[in-house]
PDB file of N, CA and C in Angstrom:
ATOM      1  N   MET A   1      21.396 -24.537  -6.791  1.00  0.00           N
ATOM      2  CA  MET A   1      20.934 -23.091  -6.652  1.00  0.00           C
ATOM      3  C   MET A   1      20.175 -22.488  -7.885  1.00  0.00           C
ATOM      4  N   LEU A   2      21.131 -22.765  -8.966  1.00  0.00           N
ATOM      5  CA  LEU A   2      20.353 -22.308 -10.070  1.00  0.00           C
ATOM      6  C   LEU A   2      18.965 -22.935 -10.398  1.00  0.00           C
ATOM      7  N   ALA A   3      18.607 -24.121 -10.039  1.00  0.00           N
ATOM      8  CA  ALA A   3      17.489 -24.947 -10.182  1.00  0.00           C
ATOM      9  C   ALA A   3      16.364 -24.289  -9.482  1.00  0.00           C
ATOM     10  N   ALA A   4      16.853 -23.924  -7.950  1.00  0.00           N
ATOM     11  CA  ALA A   4      16.116 -23.194  -7.227  1.00  0.00           C
ATOM     12  C   ALA A   4      15.386 -21.832  -7.595  1.00  0.00           C
ATOM     13  N   ALA A   5      16.515 -21.023  -8.279  1.00  0.00           N
ATOM     14  CA  ALA A   5      16.148 -19.754  -8.923  1.00  0.00           C
ATOM     15  C   ALA A   5      15.414 -19.891 -10.081  1.00  0.00           C
ATOM     16  N   LEU A   6      15.544 -21.209 -10.701  1.00  0.00           N
ATOM     17  CA  LEU A   6      14.457 -21.066 -12.091  1.00  0.00           C
ATOM     18  C   LEU A   6      13.074 -21.479 -11.522  1.00  0.00           C
ATOM     19  N   ALA A   7      13.211 -22.399 -10.533  1.00  0.00           N
ATOM     20  CA  ALA A   7      11.892 -22.580 -10.027  1.00  0.00           C
ATOM     21  C   ALA A   7      10.863 -21.612  -9.524  1.00  0.00           C
ATOM     22  N   LEU A   8      11.641 -20.279  -8.818  1.00  0.00           N
ATOM     23  CA  LEU A   8      10.989 -19.288  -8.273  1.00  0.00           C
ATOM     24  C   LEU A   8      10.739 -18.545  -9.286  1.00  0.00           C
ATOM     25  N   LEU A   9      11.467 -18.450 -10.178  1.00  0.00           N
ATOM     26  CA  LEU A   9      10.828 -17.458 -11.410  1.00  0.00           C
ATOM     27  C   LEU A   9       9.899 -18.026 -12.449  1.00  0.00           C
ATOM     28  N   ALA A  10       9.723 -19.363 -12.327  1.00  0.00           N
ATOM     29  CA  ALA A  10       8.735 -19.922 -13.251  1.00  0.00           C
ATOM     30  C   ALA A  10       7.436 -19.594 -12.105  1.00  0.00           C
ATOM     31  N   GLN A  11       7.483 -19.857 -10.854  1.00  0.00           N
ATOM     32  CA  GLN A  11       6.335 -19.761 -10.163  1.00  0.00           C
ATOM     33  C   GLN A  11       5.784 -18.281 -10.209  1.00  0.00           C
ATOM     34  N   SER A  12       6.954 -17.471 -10.215  1.00  0.00           N
ATOM     35  CA  SER A  12       6.396 -15.856 -10.106  1.00  0.00           C
ATOM     36  C   SER A  12       5.799 -15.587 -11.717  1.00  0.00           C
ATOM     37  N   VAL A  13       6.091 -16.283 -12.584  1.00  0.00           N
ATOM     38  CA  VAL A  13       5.616 -16.106 -14.089  1.00  0.00           C
ATOM     39  C   VAL A  13       4.097 -16.654 -14.136  1.00  0.00           C
ATOM     40  N   LEU A  14       4.101 -17.937 -13.413  1.00  0.00           N
ATOM     41  CA  LEU A  14       2.550 -18.580 -13.257  1.00  0.00           C
ATOM     42  C   LEU A  14       1.585 -17.872 -12.497  1.00  0.00           C
ATOM     43  N   ASP A  15       2.107 -17.237 -11.243  1.00  0.00           N
ATOM     44  CA  ASP A  15       1.285 -16.851 -10.073  1.00  0.00           C
ATOM     45  C   ASP A  15       2.070 -15.511  -9.770  1.00  0.00           C
ATOM     46  N   PRO A  16       1.701 -14.536 -10.675  1.00  0.00           N
ATOM     47  CA  PRO A  16       2.429 -12.995 -10.505  1.00  0.00           C
ATOM     48  C   PRO A  16       1.812 -12.282  -9.273  1.00  0.00           C
ATOM     49  N   LEU A  17       0.681 -12.527  -8.974  1.00  0.00           N
ATOM     50  CA  LEU A  17      -0.156 -11.825  -7.866  1.00  0.00           C
ATOM     51  C   LEU A  17      -0.800 -12.762  -6.893  1.00  0.00           C
ATOM     52  N   PRO A  18      -0.078 -13.255  -5.866  1.00  0.00           N
ATOM     53  CA  PRO A  18      -0.555 -14.065  -4.796  1.00  0.00           C
ATOM     54  C   PRO A  18      -1.794 -13.543  -4.112  1.00  0.00           C
ATOM     55  N   GLN A  19      -3.065 -13.944  -3.780  1.00  0.00           N
ATOM     56  CA  GLN A  19      -3.929 -13.688  -3.259  1.00  0.00           C
ATOM     57  C   GLN A  19      -3.474 -13.042  -1.645  1.00  0.00           C
ATOM     58  N   GLN A  20      -3.012 -13.866  -0.826  1.00  0.00           N
ATOM     59  CA  GLN A  20      -2.739 -13.441   0.399  1.00  0.00           C
ATOM     60  C   GLN A  20      -1.338 -13.704   0.631  1.00  0.00           C
ATOM     61  N   PRO A  21      -0.046 -13.035   0.713  1.00  0.00           N
ATOM     62  CA  PRO A  21       1.149 -13.370   1.008  1.00  0.00           C
ATOM     63  C   PRO A  21       1.242 -13.901   2.498  1.00  0.00           C
ATOM     64  N   VAL A  22       2.280 -14.644   2.721  1.00  0.00           N
ATOM     65  CA  VAL A  22       2.593 -15.121   4.149  1.00  0.00           C
ATOM     66  C   VAL A  22       2.918 -13.866   4.933  1.00  0.00           C
ATOM     67  N   GLU A  23       2.331 -13.631   6.151  1.00  0.00           N
ATOM     68  CA  GLU A  23       2.624 -12.574   7.015  1.00  0.00           C
ATOM     69  C   GLU A  23       3.626 -13.186   7.995  1.00  0.00           C
ATOM     70  N   PHE A  24       4.654 -12.390   8.355  1.00  0.00           N
ATOM     71  CA  PHE A  24       5.405 -12.631   9.583  1.00  0.00           C
ATOM     72  C   PHE A  24       5.074 -11.704  10.771  1.00  0.00           C
ATOM     73  N   GLY A  25       4.919 -12.465  11.660  1.00  0.00           N
ATOM     74  CA  GLY A  25       4.657 -11.832  12.766  1.00  0.00           C
ATOM     75  C   GLY A  25       3.314 -11.714  13.326  1.00  0.00           C
ATOM     76  N   ALA A  26       2.838 -11.069  14.242  1.00  0.00           N
ATOM     77  CA  ALA A  26       1.515 -11.427  14.876  1.00  0.00           C
ATOM     78  C   ALA A  26       0.550 -10.558  14.029  1.00  0.00           C
ATOM     79  N   VAL A  27       0.994  -9.614  13.715  1.00  0.00           N
ATOM     80  CA  VAL A  27      -0.308  -8.874  12.774  1.00  0.00           C
ATOM     81  C   VAL A  27      -0.641  -9.100  11.615  1.00  0.00           C
ATOM     82  N   ARG A  28      -1.960  -9.443  11.637  1.00  0.00           N
ATOM     83  CA  ARG A  28      -2.673  -9.856  10.472  1.00  0.00           C
ATOM     84  C   ARG A  28      -3.090  -8.600   9.601  1.00  0.00           C
ATOM     85  N   TRP A  29      -2.469  -8.339   8.543  1.00  0.00           N
ATOM     86  CA  TRP A  29      -2.843  -7.101   7.824  1.00  0.00           C
ATOM     87  C   TRP A  29      -3.810  -7.250   6.748  1.00  0.00           C
ATOM     88  N   GLU A  30      -4.910  -6.511   6.581  1.00  0.00           N
ATOM     89  CA  GLU A  30      -6.061  -6.505   5.664  1.00  0.00           C
ATOM     90  C   GLU A  30      -5.522  -6.069   4.387  1.00  0.00           C
ATOM     91  N   ARG A  31      -5.899  -6.423   3.140  1.00  0.00           N
ATOM     92  CA  ARG A  31      -5.192  -6.192   1.803  1.00  0.00           C
ATOM     93  C   ARG A  31      -6.464  -5.325   1.268  1.00  0.00           C
ATOM     94  N   GLU A  32      -7.809  -5.385   1.484  1.00  0.00           N
ATOM     95  CA  GLU A  32      -8.976  -4.717   0.946  1.00  0.00           C
ATOM     96  C   GLU A  32      -9.377  -3.418   1.673  1.00  0.00           C
ATOM     97  N   TYR A  33      -9.309  -2.403   1.271  1.00  0.00           N
ATOM     98  CA  TYR A  33      -9.590  -0.796   2.134  1.00  0.00           C
ATOM     99  C   TYR A  33     -11.097  -1.364   2.456  1.00  0.00           C
ATOM    100  N   ASP A  34     -12.089  -1.711   2.278  1.00  0.00           N
ATOM    101  CA  ASP A  34     -13.252  -1.791   2.679  1.00  0.00           C
ATOM    102  C   ASP A  34     -13.327  -2.580   3.889  1.00  0.00           C
ATOM    103  N   ALA A  35     -12.852  -3.597   3.634  1.00  0.00           N
ATOM    104  CA  ALA A  35     -12.843  -4.756   4.854  1.00  0.00           C
ATOM    105  C   ALA A  35     -12.208  -4.242   5.964  1.00  0.00           C
ATOM    106  N   ALA A  36     -10.729  -3.439   5.864  1.00  0.00           N
ATOM    107  CA  ALA A  36      -9.865  -3.068   6.661  1.00  0.00           C
ATOM    108  C   ALA A  36     -10.835  -1.987   7.578  1.00  0.00           C
ATOM    109  N   ARG A  37     -11.599  -1.116   6.916  1.00  0.00           N
ATOM    110  CA  ARG A  37     -12.260   0.139   7.344  1.00  0.00           C
ATOM    111  C   ARG A  37     -13.305  -0.569   8.450  1.00  0.00           C
ATOM    112  N   ALA A  38     -13.899  -1.748   7.624  1.00  0.00           N
ATOM    113  CA  ALA A  38     -15.019  -2.226   8.727  1.00  0.00           C
ATOM    114  C   ALA A  38     -14.547  -2.867   9.809  1.00  0.00           C
ATOM    115  N   ARG A  39     -13.316  -3.637   9.766  1.00  0.00           N
ATOM    116  CA  ARG A  39     -12.978  -4.167  10.675  1.00  0.00           C
ATOM    117  C   ARG A  39     -12.233  -3.247  11.876  1.00  0.00           C
ATOM    118  N   ALA A  40     -11.621  -2.030  11.553  1.00  0.00           N
ATOM    119  CA  ALA A  40     -11.026  -1.016  12.446  1.00  0.00           C
ATOM    120  C   ALA A  40     -12.452  -0.183  13.086  1.00  0.00           C
ATOM    121  N   GLN A  41     -13.446  -0.175  12.504  1.00  0.00           N
ATOM    122  CA  GLN A  41     -14.777   0.125  13.031  1.00  0.00           C
ATOM    123  C   GLN A  41     -15.208  -0.738  14.228  1.00  0.00           C
ATOM    124  N   ARG A  42     -15.255  -1.834  13.647  1.00  0.00           N
ATOM    125  CA  ARG A  42     -15.787  -2.886  14.731  1.00  0.00           C
ATOM    126  C   ARG A  42     -14.777  -3.073  15.650  1.00  0.00           C
ATOM    127  N   GLU A  43     -13.814  -3.106  15.577  1.00  0.00           N
ATOM    128  CA  GLU A  43     -12.687  -3.262  16.759  1.00  0.00           C
ATOM    129  C   GLU A  43     -12.444  -1.794  17.746  1.00  0.00           C
ATOM    130  N   ALA A  44     -12.840  -0.787  17.102  1.00  0.00           N
ATOM    131  CA  ALA A  44     -12.842   0.334  17.644  1.00  0.00           C
ATOM    132  C   ALA A  44     -11.076   0.773  17.716  1.00  0.00           C
ATOM    133  N   LYS A  45     -10.388   0.506  16.431  1.00  0.00           N
ATOM    134  CA  LYS A  45      -9.055   0.674  16.154  1.00  0.00           C
ATOM    135  C   LYS A  45      -8.994   1.655  15.130  1.00  0.00           C
ATOM    136  N   PRO A  46      -7.659   2.414  15.311  1.00  0.00           N
ATOM    137  CA  PRO A  46      -7.449   3.062  13.964  1.00  0.00           C
ATOM    138  C   PRO A  46      -6.999   2.318  12.915  1.00  0.00           C
ATOM    139  N   LEU A  47      -7.126   3.272  11.920  1.00  0.00           N
ATOM    140  CA  LEU A  47      -6.923   2.518  10.586  1.00  0.00           C
ATOM    141  C   LEU A  47      -5.490   2.940   9.839  1.00  0.00           C
ATOM    142  N   LEU A  48      -4.566   2.220   9.626  1.00  0.00           N
ATOM    143  CA  LEU A  48      -3.335   2.682   8.941  1.00  0.00           C
ATOM    144  C   LEU A  48      -3.524   2.098   7.468  1.00  0.00           C
ATOM    145  N   THR A  49      -3.439   3.320   6.570  1.00  0.00           N
ATOM    146  CA  THR A  49      -3.249   3.194   5.268  1.00  0.00           C
ATOM    147  C   THR A  49      -2.114   3.403   4.503  1.00  0.00           C
ATOM    148  N   LEU A  50      -1.385   2.377   3.888  1.00  0.00           N
ATOM    149  CA  LEU A  50      -0.207   2.469   3.119  1.00  0.00           C
ATOM    150  C   LEU A  50      -0.399   2.328   1.656  1.00  0.00           C
ATOM    151  N   PHE A  51      -0.130   3.333   0.888  1.00  0.00           N
ATOM    152  CA  PHE A  51       0.000   3.633  -0.462  1.00  0.00           C
ATOM    153  C   PHE A  51       1.237   2.991  -0.838  1.00  0.00           C
ATOM    154  N   GLN A  52       1.406   2.256  -1.735  1.00  0.00           N
ATOM    155  CA  GLN A  52       2.628   1.532  -2.069  1.00  0.00           C
ATOM    156  C   GLN A  52       2.800   1.474  -3.473  1.00  0.00           C
ATOM    157  N   GLU A  53       3.438   2.107  -4.443  1.00  0.00           N
ATOM    158  CA  GLU A  53       3.690   2.560  -5.879  1.00  0.00           C
ATOM    159  C   GLU A  53       5.152   2.032  -6.125  1.00  0.00           C
ATOM    160  N   VAL A  54       5.115   1.054  -7.216  1.00  0.00           N
ATOM    161  CA  VAL A  54       6.368   0.731  -7.960  1.00  0.00           C
ATOM    162  C   VAL A  54       6.664   1.665  -9.087  1.00  0.00           C
ATOM    163  N   PRO A  55       7.744   2.558  -8.961  1.00  0.00           N
ATOM    164  CA  PRO A  55       7.603   3.386  -9.918  1.00  0.00           C
ATOM    165  C   PRO A  55       8.206   2.590 -11.369  1.00  0.00           C
ATOM    166  N   GLY A  56       7.995   3.233 -12.468  1.00  0.00           N
ATOM    167  CA  GLY A  56       8.502   2.522 -13.703  1.00  0.00           C
ATOM    168  C   GLY A  56       7.180   2.483 -14.757  1.00  0.00           C
TER     169      GLY A  56
END
């Protein structure tokens, strides 16, 4: 258990911002605003924008 926790911690230090996190479910979320806007226009769908800020 401790070894697994240390491995996860080491991985987070080495790779703090993964390029594309694993998505759960059928929705494929875009992470870049311009790409999401272009896709929404192309597919004639609304665009949901989520602003997430971690306080601190």
